[in-house]
């Protein structure tokens, strides 16, 4: 995650960035992930965590589940235990809906 942010900052681009991260289980350092997300909140960076497989994903699901959302630039998409079975159109829409909503003023 730090590398992606570093690359974004070094690029000098002013536009938004969509960073898609595949996750299969809880992170080992939840506090560090939360801190990084909090520190990138002012950047034009949107984090999309895509859950695959049978691991525990409650941490990612909870990042913006509370109202008001803790992190407005974060979304979670559950690709299911068998992502290959998700129809392509539904998969693509699931990936991009939250980003599109975030992009709207």
PDB file of N, CA and C in Angstrom:
ATOM      1  N   UNK A   1       0.829  -1.187   0.000  1.00  0.00           N
ATOM      2  CA  UNK A   1       0.000   0.000   0.000  1.00  0.00           C
ATOM      3  C   UNK A   1       0.878   1.258   0.000  1.00  0.00           C
ATOM      4  N   UNK A   2       1.939   1.224   0.789  1.00  0.00           N
ATOM      5  CA  UNK A   2       2.839   2.383   0.815  1.00  0.00           C
ATOM      6  C   UNK A   2       3.484   2.617  -0.553  1.00  0.00           C
ATOM      7  N   UNK A   3       3.837   1.546  -1.223  1.00  0.00           N
ATOM      8  CA  UNK A   3       4.449   1.685  -2.557  1.00  0.00           C
ATOM      9  C   UNK A   3       3.479   2.323  -3.547  1.00  0.00           C
ATOM     10  N   UNK A   4       2.224   1.919  -3.490  1.00  0.00           N
ATOM     11  CA  UNK A   4       1.224   2.487  -4.397  1.00  0.00           C
ATOM     12  C   UNK A   4       1.058   3.979  -4.138  1.00  0.00           C
ATOM     13  N   UNK A   5       1.007   4.371  -2.888  1.00  0.00           N
ATOM     14  CA  UNK A   5       0.874   5.789  -2.537  1.00  0.00           C
ATOM     15  C   UNK A   5       2.125   6.548  -2.971  1.00  0.00           C
ATOM     16  N   UNK A   6       3.297   5.973  -2.712  1.00  0.00           N
ATOM     17  CA  UNK A   6       4.542   6.609  -3.122  1.00  0.00           C
ATOM     18  C   UNK A   6       4.596   6.815  -4.625  1.00  0.00           C
ATOM     19  N   UNK A   7       4.191   5.816  -5.370  1.00  0.00           N
ATOM     20  CA  UNK A   7       4.173   5.923  -6.832  1.00  0.00           C
ATOM     21  C   UNK A   7       3.223   7.031  -7.269  1.00  0.00           C
ATOM     22  N   UNK A   8       2.058   7.080  -6.667  1.00  0.00           N
ATOM     23  CA  UNK A   8       1.071   8.116  -6.997  1.00  0.00           C
ATOM     24  C   UNK A   8       1.653   9.504  -6.721  1.00  0.00           C
ATOM     25  N   UNK A   9       2.254   9.679  -5.572  1.00  0.00           N
ATOM     26  CA  UNK A   9       2.806  10.980  -5.216  1.00  0.00           C
ATOM     27  C   UNK A   9       3.984  11.365  -6.123  1.00  0.00           C
ATOM     28  N   UNK A  10       4.854  10.429  -6.430  1.00  0.00           N
ATOM     29  CA  UNK A  10       6.010  10.722  -7.287  1.00  0.00           C
ATOM     30  C   UNK A  10       5.608  11.015  -8.725  1.00  0.00           C
ATOM     31  N   UNK A  11       4.474  10.485  -9.156  1.00  0.00           N
ATOM     32  CA  UNK A  11       4.051  10.683 -10.541  1.00  0.00           C
ATOM     33  C   UNK A  11       3.678  12.135 -10.825  1.00  0.00           C
ATOM     34  N   UNK A  12       3.284  12.864  -9.789  1.00  0.00           N
ATOM     35  CA  UNK A  12       2.896  14.250  -9.959  1.00  0.00           C
ATOM     36  C   UNK A  12       1.523  14.441 -10.566  1.00  0.00           C
ATOM     37  N   UNK A  13       0.817  13.370 -10.783  1.00  0.00           N
ATOM     38  CA  UNK A  13      -0.520  13.454 -11.361  1.00  0.00           C
ATOM     39  C   UNK A  13      -1.465  14.143 -10.370  1.00  0.00           C
ATOM     40  N   UNK A  14      -2.368  14.956 -10.896  1.00  0.00           N
ATOM     41  CA  UNK A  14      -3.326  15.647 -10.043  1.00  0.00           C
ATOM     42  C   UNK A  14      -4.659  14.914  -9.988  1.00  0.00           C
ATOM     43  N   UNK A  15      -4.863  13.999 -10.901  1.00  0.00           N
ATOM     44  CA  UNK A  15      -6.134  13.284 -10.980  1.00  0.00           C
ATOM     45  C   UNK A  15      -6.263  12.199  -9.934  1.00  0.00           C
ATOM     46  N   UNK A  16      -7.442  11.638  -9.833  1.00  0.00           N
ATOM     47  CA  UNK A  16      -7.682  10.583  -8.848  1.00  0.00           C
ATOM     48  C   UNK A  16      -7.018   9.266  -9.237  1.00  0.00           C
ATOM     49  N   UNK A  17      -6.800   8.447  -8.235  1.00  0.00           N
ATOM     50  CA  UNK A  17      -6.224   7.116  -8.446  1.00  0.00           C
ATOM     51  C   UNK A  17      -7.144   6.075  -7.839  1.00  0.00           C
ATOM     52  N   UNK A  18      -7.347   5.003  -8.560  1.00  0.00           N
ATOM     53  CA  UNK A  18      -8.084   3.846  -8.061  1.00  0.00           C
ATOM     54  C   UNK A  18      -7.054   2.757  -7.801  1.00  0.00           C
ATOM     55  N   UNK A  19      -6.929   2.372  -6.542  1.00  0.00           N
ATOM     56  CA  UNK A  19      -5.992   1.320  -6.166  1.00  0.00           C
ATOM     57  C   UNK A  19      -6.806   0.108  -5.739  1.00  0.00           C
ATOM     58  N   UNK A  20      -6.688  -0.953  -6.512  1.00  0.00           N
ATOM     59  CA  UNK A  20      -7.426  -2.187  -6.253  1.00  0.00           C
ATOM     60  C   UNK A  20      -6.472  -3.173  -5.594  1.00  0.00           C
ATOM     61  N   UNK A  21      -6.873  -3.673  -4.442  1.00  0.00           N
ATOM     62  CA  UNK A  21      -6.035  -4.584  -3.674  1.00  0.00           C
ATOM     63  C   UNK A  21      -6.809  -5.862  -3.398  1.00  0.00           C
ATOM     64  N   UNK A  22      -6.289  -6.972  -3.845  1.00  0.00           N
ATOM     65  CA  UNK A  22      -6.906  -8.272  -3.586  1.00  0.00           C
ATOM     66  C   UNK A  22      -6.545  -8.713  -2.179  1.00  0.00           C
ATOM     67  N   UNK A  23      -7.543  -9.104  -1.406  1.00  0.00           N
ATOM     68  CA  UNK A  23      -7.313  -9.580  -0.040  1.00  0.00           C
ATOM     69  C   UNK A  23      -7.964 -10.940   0.138  1.00  0.00           C
ATOM     70  N   UNK A  24      -7.309 -11.770   0.921  1.00  0.00           N
ATOM     71  CA  UNK A  24      -7.833 -13.101   1.165  1.00  0.00           C
ATOM     72  C   UNK A  24      -7.993 -13.420   2.638  1.00  0.00           C
ATOM     73  N   UNK A  25      -7.549 -12.504   3.483  1.00  0.00           N
ATOM     74  CA  UNK A  25      -7.640 -12.701   4.928  1.00  0.00           C
ATOM     75  C   UNK A  25      -7.381 -11.368   5.621  1.00  0.00           C
ATOM     76  N   UNK A  26      -7.547 -11.359   6.918  1.00  0.00           N
ATOM     77  CA  UNK A  26      -7.325 -10.153   7.710  1.00  0.00           C
ATOM     78  C   UNK A  26      -5.859  -9.723   7.618  1.00  0.00           C
ATOM     79  N   UNK A  27      -5.585  -8.404   7.674  1.00  0.00           N
ATOM     80  CA  UNK A  27      -4.190  -7.967   7.691  1.00  0.00           C
ATOM     81  C   UNK A  27      -3.565  -8.289   9.044  1.00  0.00           C
ATOM     82  N   UNK A  28      -2.268  -8.498   9.046  1.00  0.00           N
ATOM     83  CA  UNK A  28      -1.608  -8.811  10.313  1.00  0.00           C
ATOM     84  C   UNK A  28      -1.432  -7.568  11.169  1.00  0.00           C
ATOM     85  N   UNK A  29      -1.407  -6.362  10.581  1.00  0.00           N
ATOM     86  CA  UNK A  29      -1.267  -5.128  11.346  1.00  0.00           C
ATOM     87  C   UNK A  29      -2.398  -4.164  10.994  1.00  0.00           C
ATOM     88  N   UNK A  30      -3.532  -4.381  11.622  1.00  0.00           N
ATOM     89  CA  UNK A  30      -4.719  -3.585  11.333  1.00  0.00           C
ATOM     90  C   UNK A  30      -4.513  -2.107  11.647  1.00  0.00           C
ATOM     91  N   UNK A  31      -3.801  -1.808  12.724  1.00  0.00           N
ATOM     92  CA  UNK A  31      -3.560  -0.410  13.089  1.00  0.00           C
ATOM     93  C   UNK A  31      -2.753   0.299  12.008  1.00  0.00           C
ATOM     94  N   UNK A  32      -1.787  -0.383  11.438  1.00  0.00           N
ATOM     95  CA  UNK A  32      -0.966   0.210  10.385  1.00  0.00           C
ATOM     96  C   UNK A  32      -1.800   0.473   9.127  1.00  0.00           C
ATOM     97  N   UNK A  33      -2.686  -0.445   8.779  1.00  0.00           N
ATOM     98  CA  UNK A  33      -3.556  -0.254   7.609  1.00  0.00           C
ATOM     99  C   UNK A  33      -4.483   0.932   7.853  1.00  0.00           C
ATOM    100  N   UNK A  34      -5.090   0.989   9.030  1.00  0.00           N
ATOM    101  CA  UNK A  34      -5.981   2.114   9.357  1.00  0.00           C
ATOM    102  C   UNK A  34      -5.227   3.446   9.289  1.00  0.00           C
ATOM    103  N   UNK A  35      -4.025   3.474   9.814  1.00  0.00           N
ATOM    104  CA  UNK A  35      -3.219   4.694   9.802  1.00  0.00           C
ATOM    105  C   UNK A  35      -2.918   5.131   8.369  1.00  0.00           C
ATOM    106  N   UNK A  36      -2.553   4.189   7.535  1.00  0.00           N
ATOM    107  CA  UNK A  36      -2.258   4.504   6.143  1.00  0.00           C
ATOM    108  C   UNK A  36      -3.499   5.044   5.440  1.00  0.00           C
ATOM    109  N   UNK A  37      -4.632   4.414   5.677  1.00  0.00           N
ATOM    110  CA  UNK A  37      -5.872   4.887   5.057  1.00  0.00           C
ATOM    111  C   UNK A  37      -6.219   6.288   5.545  1.00  0.00           C
ATOM    112  N   UNK A  38      -6.030   6.529   6.826  1.00  0.00           N
ATOM    113  CA  UNK A  38      -6.309   7.850   7.379  1.00  0.00           C
ATOM    114  C   UNK A  38      -5.373   8.892   6.775  1.00  0.00           C
ATOM    115  N   UNK A  39      -4.108   8.552   6.620  1.00  0.00           N
ATOM    116  CA  UNK A  39      -3.130   9.490   6.081  1.00  0.00           C
ATOM    117  C   UNK A  39      -3.320   9.761   4.594  1.00  0.00           C
ATOM    118  N   UNK A  40      -3.997   8.881   3.891  1.00  0.00           N
ATOM    119  CA  UNK A  40      -4.232   9.098   2.457  1.00  0.00           C
ATOM    120  C   UNK A  40      -5.618   9.680   2.190  1.00  0.00           C
ATOM    121  N   UNK A  41      -6.364   9.945   3.231  1.00  0.00           N
ATOM    122  CA  UNK A  41      -7.707  10.490   3.071  1.00  0.00           C
ATOM    123  C   UNK A  41      -7.735  11.828   2.350  1.00  0.00           C
ATOM    124  N   UNK A  42      -6.682  12.616   2.497  1.00  0.00           N
ATOM    125  CA  UNK A  42      -6.646  13.928   1.845  1.00  0.00           C
ATOM    126  C   UNK A  42      -6.124  13.856   0.409  1.00  0.00           C
ATOM    127  N   UNK A  43      -5.561  12.730   0.023  1.00  0.00           N
ATOM    128  CA  UNK A  43      -5.107  12.546  -1.351  1.00  0.00           C
ATOM    129  C   UNK A  43      -6.297  12.157  -2.224  1.00  0.00           C
ATOM    130  N   UNK A  44      -6.133  12.204  -3.498  1.00  0.00           N
ATOM    131  CA  UNK A  44      -7.196  11.770  -4.407  1.00  0.00           C
ATOM    132  C   UNK A  44      -6.986  10.295  -4.743  1.00  0.00           C
ATOM    133  N   UNK A  45      -6.946   9.493  -3.672  1.00  0.00           N
ATOM    134  CA  UNK A  45      -6.706   8.057  -3.787  1.00  0.00           C
ATOM    135  C   UNK A  45      -7.925   7.320  -3.260  1.00  0.00           C
ATOM    136  N   UNK A  46      -8.446   6.401  -4.063  1.00  0.00           N
ATOM    137  CA  UNK A  46      -9.572   5.563  -3.645  1.00  0.00           C
ATOM    138  C   UNK A  46      -9.083   4.125  -3.543  1.00  0.00           C
ATOM    139  N   UNK A  47      -9.308   3.535  -2.396  1.00  0.00           N
ATOM    140  CA  UNK A  47      -8.887   2.151  -2.133  1.00  0.00           C
ATOM    141  C   UNK A  47     -10.067   1.216  -2.311  1.00  0.00           C
ATOM    142  N   UNK A  48      -9.901   0.204  -3.134  1.00  0.00           N
ATOM    143  CA  UNK A  48     -10.914  -0.829  -3.299  1.00  0.00           C
ATOM    144  C   UNK A  48     -10.292  -2.156  -2.900  1.00  0.00           C
ATOM    145  N   UNK A  49     -10.773  -2.704  -1.799  1.00  0.00           N
ATOM    146  CA  UNK A  49     -10.314  -4.007  -1.332  1.00  0.00           C
ATOM    147  C   UNK A  49     -11.276  -5.055  -1.881  1.00  0.00           C
ATOM    148  N   UNK A  50     -10.731  -6.011  -2.603  1.00  0.00           N
ATOM    149  CA  UNK A  50     -11.537  -7.059  -3.228  1.00  0.00           C
ATOM    150  C   UNK A  50     -11.263  -8.357  -2.491  1.00  0.00           C
ATOM    151  N   UNK A  51     -12.295  -8.866  -1.841  1.00  0.00           N
ATOM    152  CA  UNK A  51     -12.159 -10.087  -1.056  1.00  0.00           C
ATOM    153  C   UNK A  51     -12.371 -11.331  -1.903  1.00  0.00           C
ATOM    154  N   UNK A  52     -11.398 -12.237  -1.843  1.00  0.00           N
ATOM    155  CA  UNK A  52     -11.450 -13.511  -2.555  1.00  0.00           C
ATOM    156  C   UNK A  52     -11.307 -14.644  -1.553  1.00  0.00           C
ATOM    157  N   UNK A  53     -11.960 -15.734  -1.813  1.00  0.00           N
ATOM    158  CA  UNK A  53     -11.714 -16.951  -1.060  1.00  0.00           C
ATOM    159  C   UNK A  53     -12.470 -17.071   0.241  1.00  0.00           C
ATOM    160  N   UNK A  54     -11.920 -17.881   1.122  1.00  0.00           N
ATOM    161  CA  UNK A  54     -12.613 -18.273   2.347  1.00  0.00           C
ATOM    162  C   UNK A  54     -12.031 -17.656   3.621  1.00  0.00           C
ATOM    163  N   UNK A  55     -11.118 -16.722   3.476  1.00  0.00           N
ATOM    164  CA  UNK A  55     -10.489 -16.102   4.645  1.00  0.00           C
ATOM    165  C   UNK A  55     -11.434 -15.174   5.390  1.00  0.00           C
ATOM    166  N   UNK A  56     -10.968 -14.695   6.527  1.00  0.00           N
ATOM    167  CA  UNK A  56     -11.731 -13.737   7.325  1.00  0.00           C
ATOM    168  C   UNK A  56     -11.518 -12.345   6.747  1.00  0.00           C
ATOM    169  N   UNK A  57     -12.613 -11.664   6.453  1.00  0.00           N
ATOM    170  CA  UNK A  57     -12.531 -10.360   5.805  1.00  0.00           C
ATOM    171  C   UNK A  57     -13.300  -9.274   6.553  1.00  0.00           C
ATOM    172  N   UNK A  58     -13.673  -9.537   7.799  1.00  0.00           N
ATOM    173  CA  UNK A  58     -14.476  -8.587   8.573  1.00  0.00           C
ATOM    174  C   UNK A  58     -13.800  -7.227   8.705  1.00  0.00           C
ATOM    175  N   UNK A  59     -12.488  -7.210   8.835  1.00  0.00           N
ATOM    176  CA  UNK A  59     -11.770  -5.943   8.972  1.00  0.00           C
ATOM    177  C   UNK A  59     -12.043  -5.047   7.773  1.00  0.00           C
ATOM    178  N   UNK A  60     -11.900  -5.591   6.572  1.00  0.00           N
ATOM    179  CA  UNK A  60     -12.096  -4.793   5.358  1.00  0.00           C
ATOM    180  C   UNK A  60     -13.552  -4.388   5.187  1.00  0.00           C
ATOM    181  N   UNK A  61     -14.454  -5.271   5.539  1.00  0.00           N
ATOM    182  CA  UNK A  61     -15.879  -4.970   5.422  1.00  0.00           C
ATOM    183  C   UNK A  61     -16.284  -3.844   6.365  1.00  0.00           C
ATOM    184  N   UNK A  62     -15.595  -3.716   7.490  1.00  0.00           N
ATOM    185  CA  UNK A  62     -15.975  -2.737   8.508  1.00  0.00           C
ATOM    186  C   UNK A  62     -15.365  -1.349   8.293  1.00  0.00           C
ATOM    187  N   UNK A  63     -14.460  -1.187   7.350  1.00  0.00           N
ATOM    188  CA  UNK A  63     -13.750   0.084   7.206  1.00  0.00           C
ATOM    189  C   UNK A  63     -14.659   1.273   6.940  1.00  0.00           C
ATOM    190  N   UNK A  64     -15.702   1.081   6.189  1.00  0.00           N
ATOM    191  CA  UNK A  64     -16.635   2.191   5.959  1.00  0.00           C
ATOM    192  C   UNK A  64     -18.083   1.778   6.206  1.00  0.00           C
ATOM    193  N   UNK A  65     -18.260   0.777   7.047  1.00  0.00           N
ATOM    194  CA  UNK A  65     -19.603   0.269   7.322  1.00  0.00           C
ATOM    195  C   UNK A  65     -20.367   1.128   8.321  1.00  0.00           C
ATOM    196  N   UNK A  66     -19.670   1.882   9.160  1.00  0.00           N
ATOM    197  CA  UNK A  66     -20.362   2.700  10.154  1.00  0.00           C
ATOM    198  C   UNK A  66     -20.847   3.999   9.515  1.00  0.00           C
ATOM    199  N   UNK A  67     -21.855   4.592  10.138  1.00  0.00           N
ATOM    200  CA  UNK A  67     -22.372   5.862   9.635  1.00  0.00           C
ATOM    201  C   UNK A  67     -22.072   6.948  10.661  1.00  0.00           C
ATOM    202  N   UNK A  68     -21.425   8.031  10.307  1.00  0.00           N
ATOM    203  CA  UNK A  68     -20.855   8.288   8.986  1.00  0.00           C
ATOM    204  C   UNK A  68     -19.634   7.408   8.753  1.00  0.00           C
ATOM    205  N   UNK A  69     -19.325   7.191   7.509  1.00  0.00           N
ATOM    206  CA  UNK A  69     -18.222   6.303   7.143  1.00  0.00           C
ATOM    207  C   UNK A  69     -16.900   6.810   7.706  1.00  0.00           C
ATOM    208  N   UNK A  70     -16.128   5.901   8.270  1.00  0.00           N
ATOM    209  CA  UNK A  70     -14.816   6.252   8.807  1.00  0.00           C
ATOM    210  C   UNK A  70     -13.887   6.685   7.693  1.00  0.00           C
ATOM    211  N   UNK A  71     -13.905   5.951   6.605  1.00  0.00           N
ATOM    212  CA  UNK A  71     -13.054   6.239   5.457  1.00  0.00           C
ATOM    213  C   UNK A  71     -13.944   6.387   4.229  1.00  0.00           C
ATOM    214  N   UNK A  72     -14.082   7.591   3.736  1.00  0.00           N
ATOM    215  CA  UNK A  72     -14.946   7.818   2.579  1.00  0.00           C
ATOM    216  C   UNK A  72     -14.270   7.418   1.273  1.00  0.00           C
ATOM    217  N   UNK A  73     -12.957   7.193   1.307  1.00  0.00           N
ATOM    218  CA  UNK A  73     -12.215   6.821   0.104  1.00  0.00           C
ATOM    219  C   UNK A  73     -11.861   5.339   0.085  1.00  0.00           C
ATOM    220  N   UNK A  74     -12.688   4.525   0.735  1.00  0.00           N
ATOM    221  CA  UNK A  74     -12.428   3.086   0.842  1.00  0.00           C
ATOM    222  C   UNK A  74     -13.719   2.325   0.563  1.00  0.00           C
ATOM    223  N   UNK A  75     -13.593   1.238  -0.169  1.00  0.00           N
ATOM    224  CA  UNK A  75     -14.734   0.354  -0.386  1.00  0.00           C
ATOM    225  C   UNK A  75     -14.250  -1.095  -0.325  1.00  0.00           C
ATOM    226  N   UNK A  76     -15.182  -1.980  -0.089  1.00  0.00           N
ATOM    227  CA  UNK A  76     -14.902  -3.410  -0.076  1.00  0.00           C
ATOM    228  C   UNK A  76     -15.867  -4.071  -1.046  1.00  0.00           C
ATOM    229  N   UNK A  77     -15.345  -4.938  -1.885  1.00  0.00           N
ATOM    230  CA  UNK A  77     -16.177  -5.730  -2.786  1.00  0.00           C
ATOM    231  C   UNK A  77     -15.883  -7.197  -2.515  1.00  0.00           C
ATOM    232  N   UNK A  78     -16.920  -7.938  -2.181  1.00  0.00           N
ATOM    233  CA  UNK A  78     -16.771  -9.370  -1.904  1.00  0.00           C
ATOM    234  C   UNK A  78     -16.942 -10.133  -3.209  1.00  0.00           C
ATOM    235  N   UNK A  79     -15.841 -10.651  -3.738  1.00  0.00           N
ATOM    236  CA  UNK A  79     -15.869 -11.395  -4.997  1.00  0.00           C
ATOM    237  C   UNK A  79     -16.320 -12.836  -4.787  1.00  0.00           C
ATOM    238  N   UNK A  80     -16.663 -13.185  -3.590  1.00  0.00           N
ATOM    239  CA  UNK A  80     -17.185 -14.488  -3.199  1.00  0.00           C
ATOM    240  C   UNK A  80     -16.089 -15.536  -3.041  1.00  0.00           C
ATOM    241  N   UNK A  81     -16.502 -16.661  -2.551  1.00  0.00           N
ATOM    242  CA  UNK A  81     -15.555 -17.767  -2.351  1.00  0.00           C
ATOM    243  C   UNK A  81     -15.124 -18.376  -3.677  1.00  0.00           C
ATOM    244  N   UNK A  82     -15.918 -18.121  -4.714  1.00  0.00           N
ATOM    245  CA  UNK A  82     -15.609 -18.628  -6.046  1.00  0.00           C
ATOM    246  C   UNK A  82     -15.750 -17.488  -7.053  1.00  0.00           C
ATOM    247  N   UNK A  83     -14.765 -16.579  -7.113  1.00  0.00           N
ATOM    248  CA  UNK A  83     -14.905 -15.402  -7.969  1.00  0.00           C
ATOM    249  C   UNK A  83     -15.085 -15.732  -9.443  1.00  0.00           C
ATOM    250  N   UNK A  84     -14.623 -16.871  -9.882  1.00  0.00           N
ATOM    251  CA  UNK A  84     -14.798 -17.260 -11.274  1.00  0.00           C
ATOM    252  C   UNK A  84     -16.251 -17.485 -11.636  1.00  0.00           C
ATOM    253  N   UNK A  85     -17.090 -17.726 -10.638  1.00  0.00           N
ATOM    254  CA  UNK A  85     -18.508 -17.972 -10.884  1.00  0.00           C
ATOM    255  C   UNK A  85     -19.329 -16.682 -10.956  1.00  0.00           C
ATOM    256  N   UNK A  86     -18.727 -15.540 -10.597  1.00  0.00           N
ATOM    257  CA  UNK A  86     -19.441 -14.269 -10.663  1.00  0.00           C
ATOM    258  C   UNK A  86     -19.466 -13.811 -12.117  1.00  0.00           C
ATOM    259  N   UNK A  87     -20.658 -13.577 -12.673  1.00  0.00           N
ATOM    260  CA  UNK A  87     -20.732 -13.134 -14.071  1.00  0.00           C
ATOM    261  C   UNK A  87     -19.910 -11.864 -14.287  1.00  0.00           C
ATOM    262  N   UNK A  88     -19.223 -11.787 -15.437  1.00  0.00           N
ATOM    263  CA  UNK A  88     -18.315 -10.685 -15.732  1.00  0.00           C
ATOM    264  C   UNK A  88     -18.913  -9.306 -15.535  1.00  0.00           C
ATOM    265  N   UNK A  89     -20.103  -9.078 -16.041  1.00  0.00           N
ATOM    266  CA  UNK A  89     -20.745  -7.773 -15.906  1.00  0.00           C
ATOM    267  C   UNK A  89     -20.993  -7.405 -14.460  1.00  0.00           C
ATOM    268  N   UNK A  90     -21.467  -8.364 -13.683  1.00  0.00           N
ATOM    269  CA  UNK A  90     -21.726  -8.109 -12.262  1.00  0.00           C
ATOM    270  C   UNK A  90     -20.423  -7.859 -11.513  1.00  0.00           C
ATOM    271  N   UNK A  91     -19.390  -8.594 -11.880  1.00  0.00           N
ATOM    272  CA  UNK A  91     -18.089  -8.421 -11.245  1.00  0.00           C
ATOM    273  C   UNK A  91     -17.552  -7.013 -11.533  1.00  0.00           C
ATOM    274  N   UNK A  92     -17.581  -6.609 -12.794  1.00  0.00           N
ATOM    275  CA  UNK A  92     -17.077  -5.293 -13.182  1.00  0.00           C
ATOM    276  C   UNK A  92     -17.855  -4.173 -12.505  1.00  0.00           C
ATOM    277  N   UNK A  93     -19.169  -4.296 -12.488  1.00  0.00           N
ATOM    278  CA  UNK A  93     -20.011  -3.285 -11.848  1.00  0.00           C
ATOM    279  C   UNK A  93     -19.703  -3.218 -10.354  1.00  0.00           C
ATOM    280  N   UNK A  94     -19.551  -4.364  -9.726  1.00  0.00           N
ATOM    281  CA  UNK A  94     -19.220  -4.395  -8.303  1.00  0.00           C
ATOM    282  C   UNK A  94     -17.904  -3.719  -8.000  1.00  0.00           C
ATOM    283  N   UNK A  95     -16.961  -3.865  -8.900  1.00  0.00           N
ATOM    284  CA  UNK A  95     -15.659  -3.229  -8.697  1.00  0.00           C
ATOM    285  C   UNK A  95     -15.725  -1.715  -8.839  1.00  0.00           C
ATOM    286  N   UNK A  96     -16.512  -1.233  -9.762  1.00  0.00           N
ATOM    287  CA  UNK A  96     -16.456   0.187 -10.107  1.00  0.00           C
ATOM    288  C   UNK A  96     -17.540   1.063  -9.492  1.00  0.00           C
ATOM    289  N   UNK A  97     -18.613   0.503  -8.976  1.00  0.00           N
ATOM    290  CA  UNK A  97     -19.707   1.320  -8.444  1.00  0.00           C
ATOM    291  C   UNK A  97     -19.261   2.277  -7.340  1.00  0.00           C
ATOM    292  N   UNK A  98     -18.547   1.782  -6.360  1.00  0.00           N
ATOM    293  CA  UNK A  98     -18.142   2.631  -5.231  1.00  0.00           C
ATOM    294  C   UNK A  98     -17.199   3.729  -5.690  1.00  0.00           C
ATOM    295  N   UNK A  99     -16.292   3.411  -6.605  1.00  0.00           N
ATOM    296  CA  UNK A  99     -15.359   4.408  -7.128  1.00  0.00           C
ATOM    297  C   UNK A  99     -16.133   5.497  -7.877  1.00  0.00           C
ATOM    298  N   UNK A 100     -17.085   5.098  -8.696  1.00  0.00           N
ATOM    299  CA  UNK A 100     -17.882   6.075  -9.449  1.00  0.00           C
ATOM    300  C   UNK A 100     -18.656   6.991  -8.509  1.00  0.00           C
ATOM    301  N   UNK A 101     -19.206   6.444  -7.440  1.00  0.00           N
ATOM    302  CA  UNK A 101     -19.931   7.245  -6.457  1.00  0.00           C
ATOM    303  C   UNK A 101     -18.993   8.241  -5.780  1.00  0.00           C
ATOM    304  N   UNK A 102     -17.807   7.796  -5.430  1.00  0.00           N
ATOM    305  CA  UNK A 102     -16.816   8.656  -4.785  1.00  0.00           C
ATOM    306  C   UNK A 102     -16.380   9.784  -5.708  1.00  0.00           C
ATOM    307  N   UNK A 103     -16.329   9.515  -7.002  1.00  0.00           N
ATOM    308  CA  UNK A 103     -15.894  10.513  -7.979  1.00  0.00           C
ATOM    309  C   UNK A 103     -16.912  11.628  -8.177  1.00  0.00           C
ATOM    310  N   UNK A 104     -18.184  11.344  -7.919  1.00  0.00           N
ATOM    311  CA  UNK A 104     -19.216  12.376  -8.097  1.00  0.00           C
ATOM    312  C   UNK A 104     -19.090  13.435  -7.012  1.00  0.00           C
ATOM    313  N   UNK A 105     -19.220  14.713  -7.401  1.00  0.00           N
ATOM    314  CA  UNK A 105     -19.120  15.798  -6.397  1.00  0.00           C
ATOM    315  C   UNK A 105     -20.274  15.811  -5.433  1.00  0.00           C
TER     316      UNK A 105
END
